[in-house]
PDB file of N, CA and C in Angstrom:
ATOM      1  N   MET A   1      51.186  47.555  49.425  1.00  0.00           N
ATOM      2  CA  MET A   1      51.037  48.084  50.761  1.00  0.00           C
ATOM      3  C   MET A   1      51.584  47.046  51.740  1.00  0.00           C
ATOM      4  N   PRO A   2      52.303  47.501  52.750  1.00  0.00           N
ATOM      5  CA  PRO A   2      52.837  46.541  53.715  1.00  0.00           C
ATOM      6  C   PRO A   2      51.746  45.845  54.524  1.00  0.00           C
ATOM      7  N   GLN A   3      50.611  46.518  54.738  1.00  0.00           N
ATOM      8  CA  GLN A   3      49.508  45.926  55.501  1.00  0.00           C
ATOM      9  C   GLN A   3      48.215  46.166  54.742  1.00  0.00           C
ATOM     10  N   PHE A   4      47.608  45.080  54.283  1.00  0.00           N
ATOM     11  CA  PHE A   4      46.454  45.218  53.398  1.00  0.00           C
ATOM     12  C   PHE A   4      45.194  45.683  54.101  1.00  0.00           C
ATOM     13  N   HIS A   5      45.134  45.633  55.427  1.00  0.00           N
ATOM     14  CA  HIS A   5      43.879  45.987  56.100  1.00  0.00           C
ATOM     15  C   HIS A   5      43.524  47.469  55.964  1.00  0.00           C
ATOM     16  N   VAL A   6      44.466  48.336  55.596  1.00  0.00           N
ATOM     17  CA  VAL A   6      44.151  49.752  55.366  1.00  0.00           C
ATOM     18  C   VAL A   6      43.812  50.016  53.906  1.00  0.00           C
ATOM     19  N   LEU A   7      43.984  49.026  53.045  1.00  0.00           N
ATOM     20  CA  LEU A   7      43.746  49.190  51.621  1.00  0.00           C
ATOM     21  C   LEU A   7      42.357  49.731  51.283  1.00  0.00           C
ATOM     22  N   PRO A   8      41.278  49.237  51.886  1.00  0.00           N
ATOM     23  CA  PRO A   8      39.960  49.760  51.487  1.00  0.00           C
ATOM     24  C   PRO A   8      39.807  51.254  51.754  1.00  0.00           C
ATOM     25  N   MET A   9      40.375  51.747  52.846  1.00  0.00           N
ATOM     26  CA  MET A   9      40.261  53.177  53.126  1.00  0.00           C
ATOM     27  C   MET A   9      41.082  54.003  52.141  1.00  0.00           C
ATOM     28  N   VAL A  10      42.243  53.497  51.773  1.00  0.00           N
ATOM     29  CA  VAL A  10      43.077  54.210  50.799  1.00  0.00           C
ATOM     30  C   VAL A  10      42.366  54.275  49.453  1.00  0.00           C
ATOM     31  N   ILE A  11      41.854  53.151  49.003  1.00  0.00           N
ATOM     32  CA  ILE A  11      41.173  53.091  47.706  1.00  0.00           C
ATOM     33  C   ILE A  11      39.913  53.953  47.708  1.00  0.00           C
ATOM     34  N   ALA A  12      39.123  53.873  48.758  1.00  0.00           N
ATOM     35  CA  ALA A  12      37.856  54.611  48.820  1.00  0.00           C
ATOM     36  C   ALA A  12      38.067  56.118  48.826  1.00  0.00           C
ATOM     37  N   ASN A  13      39.210  56.575  49.281  1.00  0.00           N
ATOM     38  CA  ASN A  13      39.469  58.020  49.399  1.00  0.00           C
ATOM     39  C   ASN A  13      40.506  58.515  48.397  1.00  0.00           C
ATOM     40  N   SER A  14      40.601  57.845  47.257  1.00  0.00           N
ATOM     41  CA  SER A  14      41.587  58.261  46.251  1.00  0.00           C
ATOM     42  C   SER A  14      41.097  57.882  44.864  1.00  0.00           C
ATOM     43  N   ASP A  15      41.927  58.178  43.870  1.00  0.00           N
ATOM     44  CA  ASP A  15      41.628  57.735  42.511  1.00  0.00           C
ATOM     45  C   ASP A  15      42.497  56.539  42.140  1.00  0.00           C
ATOM     46  N   LEU A  16      43.009  55.843  43.132  1.00  0.00           N
ATOM     47  CA  LEU A  16      43.864  54.681  42.936  1.00  0.00           C
ATOM     48  C   LEU A  16      43.027  53.425  42.724  1.00  0.00           C
ATOM     49  N   LEU A  17      43.693  52.374  42.285  1.00  0.00           N
ATOM     50  CA  LEU A  17      43.042  51.078  42.174  1.00  0.00           C
ATOM     51  C   LEU A  17      43.962  50.013  42.736  1.00  0.00           C
ATOM     52  N   ALA A  18      43.383  48.878  43.012  1.00  0.00           N
ATOM     53  CA  ALA A  18      44.143  47.738  43.515  1.00  0.00           C
ATOM     54  C   ALA A  18      43.621  46.488  42.828  1.00  0.00           C
ATOM     55  N   VAL A  19      44.498  45.584  42.523  1.00  0.00           N
ATOM     56  CA  VAL A  19      44.108  44.288  41.977  1.00  0.00           C
ATOM     57  C   VAL A  19      44.242  43.291  43.118  1.00  0.00           C
ATOM     58  N   ILE A  20      43.096  42.806  43.574  1.00  0.00           N
ATOM     59  CA  ILE A  20      43.050  41.897  44.717  1.00  0.00           C
ATOM     60  C   ILE A  20      42.046  40.785  44.415  1.00  0.00           C
ATOM     61  N   PRO A  21      42.096  39.691  45.149  1.00  0.00           N
ATOM     62  CA  PRO A  21      41.116  38.628  44.934  1.00  0.00           C
ATOM     63  C   PRO A  21      39.681  39.129  45.136  1.00  0.00           C
ATOM     64  N   ASN A  22      38.776  38.605  44.331  1.00  0.00           N
ATOM     65  CA  ASN A  22      37.385  39.045  44.373  1.00  0.00           C
ATOM     66  C   ASN A  22      36.759  38.886  45.758  1.00  0.00           C
ATOM     67  N   ARG A  23      37.034  37.783  46.423  1.00  0.00           N
ATOM     68  CA  ARG A  23      36.436  37.566  47.752  1.00  0.00           C
ATOM     69  C   ARG A  23      36.884  38.637  48.737  1.00  0.00           C
ATOM     70  N   LEU A  24      38.136  39.051  48.637  1.00  0.00           N
ATOM     71  CA  LEU A  24      38.630  40.116  49.505  1.00  0.00           C
ATOM     72  C   LEU A  24      37.978  41.446  49.140  1.00  0.00           C
ATOM     73  N   ALA A  25      37.841  41.713  47.850  1.00  0.00           N
ATOM     74  CA  ALA A  25      37.179  42.944  47.402  1.00  0.00           C
ATOM     75  C   ALA A  25      35.736  42.995  47.903  1.00  0.00           C
ATOM     76  N   GLN A  26      35.035  41.865  47.828  1.00  0.00           N
ATOM     77  CA  GLN A  26      33.650  41.808  48.309  1.00  0.00           C
ATOM     78  C   GLN A  26      33.587  42.127  49.806  1.00  0.00           C
ATOM     79  N   ALA A  27      34.525  41.592  50.563  1.00  0.00           N
ATOM     80  CA  ALA A  27      34.556  41.870  52.007  1.00  0.00           C
ATOM     81  C   ALA A  27      34.830  43.344  52.266  1.00  0.00           C
ATOM     82  N   PHE A  28      35.767  43.926  51.532  1.00  0.00           N
ATOM     83  CA  PHE A  28      36.066  45.351  51.695  1.00  0.00           C
ATOM     84  C   PHE A  28      34.857  46.212  51.332  1.00  0.00           C
ATOM     85  N   ALA A  29      34.137  45.820  50.281  1.00  0.00           N
ATOM     86  CA  ALA A  29      32.986  46.597  49.816  1.00  0.00           C
ATOM     87  C   ALA A  29      31.859  46.632  50.845  1.00  0.00           C
ATOM     88  N   ARG A  30      31.846  45.687  51.764  1.00  0.00           N
ATOM     89  CA  ARG A  30      30.828  45.714  52.817  1.00  0.00           C
ATOM     90  C   ARG A  30      31.099  46.808  53.851  1.00  0.00           C
ATOM     91  N   SER A  31      32.348  47.282  53.918  1.00  0.00           N
ATOM     92  CA  SER A  31      32.670  48.281  54.943  1.00  0.00           C
ATOM     93  C   SER A  31      32.954  49.668  54.386  1.00  0.00           C
ATOM     94  N   VAL A  32      33.332  49.772  53.122  1.00  0.00           N
ATOM     95  CA  VAL A  32      33.594  51.089  52.520  1.00  0.00           C
ATOM     96  C   VAL A  32      33.002  51.128  51.117  1.00  0.00           C
ATOM     97  N   SER A  33      32.811  52.331  50.615  1.00  0.00           N
ATOM     98  CA  SER A  33      32.225  52.504  49.294  1.00  0.00           C
ATOM     99  C   SER A  33      33.326  52.418  48.230  1.00  0.00           C
ATOM    100  N   ILE A  34      33.426  51.247  47.599  1.00  0.00           N
ATOM    101  CA  ILE A  34      34.381  51.054  46.509  1.00  0.00           C
ATOM    102  C   ILE A  34      33.669  50.370  45.363  1.00  0.00           C
ATOM    103  N   LYS A  35      34.190  50.564  44.161  1.00  0.00           N
ATOM    104  CA  LYS A  35      33.673  49.871  42.987  1.00  0.00           C
ATOM    105  C   LYS A  35      34.510  48.636  42.749  1.00  0.00           C
ATOM    106  N   ILE A  36      33.853  47.550  42.408  1.00  0.00           N
ATOM    107  CA  ILE A  36      34.555  46.320  42.044  1.00  0.00           C
ATOM    108  C   ILE A  36      34.352  46.122  40.551  1.00  0.00           C
ATOM    109  N   LEU A  37      35.451  46.117  39.822  1.00  0.00           N
ATOM    110  CA  LEU A  37      35.413  45.992  38.376  1.00  0.00           C
ATOM    111  C   LEU A  37      36.223  44.780  37.944  1.00  0.00           C
ATOM    112  N   PRO A  38      35.866  44.184  36.806  1.00  0.00           N
ATOM    113  CA  PRO A  38      36.675  43.064  36.316  1.00  0.00           C
ATOM    114  C   PRO A  38      38.047  43.557  35.850  1.00  0.00           C
ATOM    115  N   VAL A  39      39.038  42.720  36.000  1.00  0.00           N
ATOM    116  CA  VAL A  39      40.378  43.048  35.525  1.00  0.00           C
ATOM    117  C   VAL A  39      40.364  42.906  34.007  1.00  0.00           C
ATOM    118  N   PRO A  40      40.878  43.907  33.269  1.00  0.00           N
ATOM    119  CA  PRO A  40      40.781  43.860  31.806  1.00  0.00           C
ATOM    120  C   PRO A  40      41.790  42.936  31.122  1.00  0.00           C
ATOM    121  N   VAL A  41      42.643  42.286  31.868  1.00  0.00           N
ATOM    122  CA  VAL A  41      43.619  41.358  31.291  1.00  0.00           C
ATOM    123  C   VAL A  41      43.556  40.043  32.056  1.00  0.00           C
ATOM    124  N   ALA A  42      44.020  38.986  31.427  1.00  0.00           N
ATOM    125  CA  ALA A  42      44.050  37.685  32.098  1.00  0.00           C
ATOM    126  C   ALA A  42      45.168  37.678  33.136  1.00  0.00           C
ATOM    127  N   ILE A  43      44.851  37.223  34.320  1.00  0.00           N
ATOM    128  CA  ILE A  43      45.842  37.108  35.379  1.00  0.00           C
ATOM    129  C   ILE A  43      45.983  35.628  35.701  1.00  0.00           C
ATOM    130  N   PRO A  44      47.198  35.107  35.612  1.00  0.00           N
ATOM    131  CA  PRO A  44      47.364  33.682  35.894  1.00  0.00           C
ATOM    132  C   PRO A  44      47.118  33.388  37.368  1.00  0.00           C
ATOM    133  N   PRO A  45      46.681  32.180  37.689  1.00  0.00           N
ATOM    134  CA  PRO A  45      46.473  31.828  39.097  1.00  0.00           C
ATOM    135  C   PRO A  45      47.799  31.843  39.852  1.00  0.00           C
ATOM    136  N   ILE A  46      47.708  32.078  41.138  1.00  0.00           N
ATOM    137  CA  ILE A  46      48.907  32.081  41.971  1.00  0.00           C
ATOM    138  C   ILE A  46      48.815  30.956  42.988  1.00  0.00           C
ATOM    139  N   ASP A  47      49.954  30.471  43.401  1.00  0.00           N
ATOM    140  CA  ASP A  47      50.002  29.465  44.446  1.00  0.00           C
ATOM    141  C   ASP A  47      49.996  30.144  45.798  1.00  0.00           C
ATOM    142  N   ILE A  48      49.274  29.579  46.725  1.00  0.00           N
ATOM    143  CA  ILE A  48      49.290  30.044  48.111  1.00  0.00           C
ATOM    144  C   ILE A  48      49.857  28.904  48.933  1.00  0.00           C
ATOM    145  N   ASN A  49      50.880  29.196  49.679  1.00  0.00           N
ATOM    146  CA  ASN A  49      51.563  28.163  50.458  1.00  0.00           C
ATOM    147  C   ASN A  49      51.421  28.422  51.946  1.00  0.00           C
ATOM    148  N   MET A  50      51.413  27.351  52.692  1.00  0.00           N
ATOM    149  CA  MET A  50      51.413  27.433  54.151  1.00  0.00           C
ATOM    150  C   MET A  50      52.710  26.808  54.644  1.00  0.00           C
ATOM    151  N   PHE A  51      53.333  27.455  55.601  1.00  0.00           N
ATOM    152  CA  PHE A  51      54.556  26.928  56.191  1.00  0.00           C
ATOM    153  C   PHE A  51      54.417  26.966  57.697  1.00  0.00           C
ATOM    154  N   TRP A  52      54.931  25.951  58.358  1.00  0.00           N
ATOM    155  CA  TRP A  52      54.935  25.950  59.811  1.00  0.00           C
ATOM    156  C   TRP A  52      56.136  25.154  60.286  1.00  0.00           C
ATOM    157  N   HIS A  53      56.537  25.450  61.492  1.00  0.00           N
ATOM    158  CA  HIS A  53      57.682  24.750  62.076  1.00  0.00           C
ATOM    159  C   HIS A  53      57.264  23.328  62.418  1.00  0.00           C
ATOM    160  N   GLU A  54      58.186  22.392  62.257  1.00  0.00           N
ATOM    161  CA  GLU A  54      57.847  20.985  62.496  1.00  0.00           C
ATOM    162  C   GLU A  54      57.361  20.718  63.913  1.00  0.00           C
ATOM    163  N   ARG A  55      57.769  21.537  64.891  1.00  0.00           N
ATOM    164  CA  ARG A  55      57.320  21.300  66.268  1.00  0.00           C
ATOM    165  C   ARG A  55      55.812  21.537  66.416  1.00  0.00           C
ATOM    166  N   TYR A  56      55.209  22.277  65.461  1.00  0.00           N
ATOM    167  CA  TYR A  56      53.767  22.543  65.514  1.00  0.00           C
ATOM    168  C   TYR A  56      52.970  21.626  64.603  1.00  0.00           C
ATOM    169  N   HIS A  57      53.635  20.692  63.953  1.00  0.00           N
ATOM    170  CA  HIS A  57      52.936  19.836  62.997  1.00  0.00           C
ATOM    171  C   HIS A  57      51.806  19.036  63.661  1.00  0.00           C
ATOM    172  N   HIS A  58      52.010  18.565  64.877  1.00  0.00           N
ATOM    173  CA  HIS A  58      50.981  17.777  65.573  1.00  0.00           C
ATOM    174  C   HIS A  58      50.252  18.584  66.643  1.00  0.00           C
ATOM    175  N   ASP A  59      50.550  19.867  66.771  1.00  0.00           N
ATOM    176  CA  ASP A  59      49.877  20.721  67.740  1.00  0.00           C
ATOM    177  C   ASP A  59      48.402  20.856  67.345  1.00  0.00           C
ATOM    178  N   PRO A  60      47.465  20.491  68.234  1.00  0.00           N
ATOM    179  CA  PRO A  60      46.039  20.483  67.867  1.00  0.00           C
ATOM    180  C   PRO A  60      45.520  21.852  67.419  1.00  0.00           C
ATOM    181  N   THR A  61      45.931  22.919  68.078  1.00  0.00           N
ATOM    182  CA  THR A  61      45.445  24.249  67.702  1.00  0.00           C
ATOM    183  C   THR A  61      45.981  24.649  66.335  1.00  0.00           C
ATOM    184  N   ASN A  62      47.256  24.431  66.113  1.00  0.00           N
ATOM    185  CA  ASN A  62      47.858  24.770  64.832  1.00  0.00           C
ATOM    186  C   ASN A  62      47.264  23.921  63.718  1.00  0.00           C
ATOM    187  N   LYS A  63      47.043  22.655  63.993  1.00  0.00           N
ATOM    188  CA  LYS A  63      46.442  21.766  62.996  1.00  0.00           C
ATOM    189  C   LYS A  63      45.017  22.200  62.671  1.00  0.00           C
ATOM    190  N   TRP A  64      44.258  22.589  63.697  1.00  0.00           N
ATOM    191  CA  TRP A  64      42.895  23.076  63.471  1.00  0.00           C
ATOM    192  C   TRP A  64      42.925  24.309  62.567  1.00  0.00           C
ATOM    193  N   PHE A  65      43.847  25.240  62.838  1.00  0.00           N
ATOM    194  CA  PHE A  65      43.943  26.458  62.036  1.00  0.00           C
ATOM    195  C   PHE A  65      44.295  26.125  60.585  1.00  0.00           C
ATOM    196  N   ARG A  66      45.257  25.247  60.381  1.00  0.00           N
ATOM    197  CA  ARG A  66      45.647  24.873  59.015  1.00  0.00           C
ATOM    198  C   ARG A  66      44.476  24.233  58.275  1.00  0.00           C
ATOM    199  N   ASP A  67      43.780  23.331  58.947  1.00  0.00           N
ATOM    200  CA  ASP A  67      42.634  22.671  58.320  1.00  0.00           C
ATOM    201  C   ASP A  67      41.514  23.666  58.005  1.00  0.00           C
ATOM    202  N   ALA A  68      41.250  24.589  58.928  1.00  0.00           N
ATOM    203  CA  ALA A  68      40.222  25.610  58.693  1.00  0.00           C
ATOM    204  C   ALA A  68      40.603  26.486  57.506  1.00  0.00           C
ATOM    205  N   PHE A  69      41.855  26.876  57.434  1.00  0.00           N
ATOM    206  CA  PHE A  69      42.333  27.694  56.322  1.00  0.00           C
ATOM    207  C   PHE A  69      42.131  26.946  55.001  1.00  0.00           C
ATOM    208  N   MET A  70      42.476  25.679  54.994  1.00  0.00           N
ATOM    209  CA  MET A  70      42.315  24.879  53.773  1.00  0.00           C
ATOM    210  C   MET A  70      40.844  24.771  53.367  1.00  0.00           C
ATOM    211  N   ARG A  71      39.957  24.537  54.330  1.00  0.00           N
ATOM    212  CA  ARG A  71      38.525  24.431  54.014  1.00  0.00           C
ATOM    213  C   ARG A  71      37.991  25.742  53.447  1.00  0.00           C
ATOM    214  N   LEU A  72      38.455  26.859  53.978  1.00  0.00           N
ATOM    215  CA  LEU A  72      37.952  28.158  53.538  1.00  0.00           C
ATOM    216  C   LEU A  72      38.487  28.588  52.182  1.00  0.00           C
ATOM    217  N   PHE A  73      39.740  28.301  51.908  1.00  0.00           N
ATOM    218  CA  PHE A  73      40.380  28.916  50.755  1.00  0.00           C
ATOM    219  C   PHE A  73      40.770  27.966  49.634  1.00  0.00           C
ATOM    220  N   ARG A  74      40.631  26.698  49.808  1.00  0.00           N
ATOM    221  CA  ARG A  74      40.961  25.775  48.724  1.00  0.00           C
ATOM    222  C   ARG A  74      39.886  25.879  47.656  1.00  0.00           C
ATOM    223  N   GLN A  75      40.308  25.914  46.416  1.00  0.00           N
ATOM    224  CA  GLN A  75      39.367  25.982  45.299  1.00  0.00           C
ATOM    225  C   GLN A  75      38.650  24.649  45.154  1.00  0.00           C
ATOM    226  N   PRO A  76      37.386  24.655  44.734  1.00  0.00           N
ATOM    227  CA  PRO A  76      36.632  23.408  44.590  1.00  0.00           C
ATOM    228  C   PRO A  76      37.322  22.391  43.692  1.00  0.00           C
ATOM    229  N   ALA A  77      37.930  22.810  42.605  1.00  0.00           N
ATOM    230  CA  ALA A  77      38.599  21.868  41.706  1.00  0.00           C
ATOM    231  C   ALA A  77      39.755  21.173  42.410  1.00  0.00           C
ATOM    232  N   MET A  78      40.419  21.882  43.303  1.00  0.00           N
ATOM    233  CA  MET A  78      41.531  21.289  44.021  1.00  0.00           C
ATOM    234  C   MET A  78      41.035  20.267  45.034  1.00  0.00           C
ATOM    235  N   ARG A  79      39.873  20.497  45.611  1.00  0.00           N
ATOM    236  CA  ARG A  79      39.334  19.564  46.597  1.00  0.00           C
ATOM    237  C   ARG A  79      39.179  18.177  45.998  1.00  0.00           C
ATOM    238  N   SER A  80      38.665  18.129  44.778  1.00  0.00           N
ATOM    239  CA  SER A  80      38.417  16.823  44.188  1.00  0.00           C
ATOM    240  C   SER A  80      39.697  16.143  43.723  1.00  0.00           C
ATOM    241  N   SER A  81      40.772  16.927  43.517  1.00  0.00           N
ATOM    242  CA  SER A  81      41.994  16.309  43.017  1.00  0.00           C
ATOM    243  C   SER A  81      42.899  15.816  44.133  1.00  0.00           C
ATOM    244  N   ARG A  82      42.591  16.146  45.351  1.00  0.00           N
ATOM    245  CA  ARG A  82      43.408  15.697  46.467  1.00  0.00           C
ATOM    246  C   ARG A  82      42.671  14.583  47.191  1.00  0.00           C
ATOM    247  N   SER A  83      43.381  13.591  47.631  1.00  0.00           N
ATOM    248  CA  SER A  83      42.706  12.466  48.268  1.00  0.00           C
ATOM    249  C   SER A  83      42.368  12.731  49.718  1.00  0.00           C
ATOM    250  N   SER A  84      43.281  13.329  50.485  1.00  0.00           N
ATOM    251  CA  SER A  84      43.036  13.457  51.916  1.00  0.00           C
ATOM    252  C   SER A  84      42.392  14.773  52.301  1.00  0.00           C
ATOM    253  N   GLY A  85      42.597  15.844  51.490  1.00  0.00           N
ATOM    254  CA  GLY A  85      42.076  17.143  51.863  1.00  0.00           C
ATOM    255  C   GLY A  85      42.886  17.799  52.956  1.00  0.00           C
ATOM    256  N   ARG A  86      43.959  17.189  53.364  1.00  0.00           N
ATOM    257  CA  ARG A  86      44.798  17.726  54.427  1.00  0.00           C
ATOM    258  C   ARG A  86      46.096  18.249  53.826  1.00  0.00           C
ATOM    259  N   PRO A  87      46.640  19.332  54.423  1.00  0.00           N
ATOM    260  CA  PRO A  87      47.900  19.848  53.909  1.00  0.00           C
ATOM    261  C   PRO A  87      49.048  18.877  54.196  1.00  0.00           C
ATOM    262  N   SER A  88      50.006  18.881  53.307  1.00  0.00           N
ATOM    263  CA  SER A  88      51.197  18.081  53.561  1.00  0.00           C
ATOM    264  C   SER A  88      52.063  18.841  54.565  1.00  0.00           C
ATOM    265  N   HIS A  89      52.994  18.148  55.166  1.00  0.00           N
ATOM    266  CA  HIS A  89      53.850  18.765  56.173  1.00  0.00           C
ATOM    267  C   HIS A  89      54.641  19.901  55.557  1.00  0.00           C
ATOM    268  N   GLY A  90      54.445  21.112  56.070  1.00  0.00           N
ATOM    269  CA  GLY A  90      55.273  22.242  55.696  1.00  0.00           C
ATOM    270  C   GLY A  90      54.718  23.129  54.603  1.00  0.00           C
ATOM    271  N   THR A  91      54.018  22.618  53.643  1.00  0.00           N
ATOM    272  CA  THR A  91      53.534  23.468  52.567  1.00  0.00           C
ATOM    273  C   THR A  91      52.322  22.825  51.919  1.00  0.00           C
ATOM    274  N   THR A  92      51.501  23.681  51.334  1.00  0.00           N
ATOM    275  CA  THR A  92      50.345  23.197  50.605  1.00  0.00           C
ATOM    276  C   THR A  92      49.962  24.224  49.559  1.00  0.00           C
ATOM    277  N   ARG A  93      49.147  23.829  48.652  1.00  0.00           N
ATOM    278  CA  ARG A  93      48.651  24.763  47.638  1.00  0.00           C
ATOM    279  C   ARG A  93      47.176  24.870  47.745  1.00  0.00           C
TER     280      ARG A  93
END
């Protein structure tokens, strides 16, 4: 779907399914009646990258947003493997 915010309504009103992250499914389930089921096959982890223009690298608002995103979505195992906890310039995982 080009825009995922309509996904819960589509799924709730059809016989379709979607494979999405569990946290997103949990959030959708709070607003519409959907079933959350385990995926029957192993799905490899995916990288999530952040990109920004260099002119915003030191912008306080942009930096706050990047840091907040990292705190919310970084996996616990990744937190311990990184020394600074801050994204590198231009991209992060």
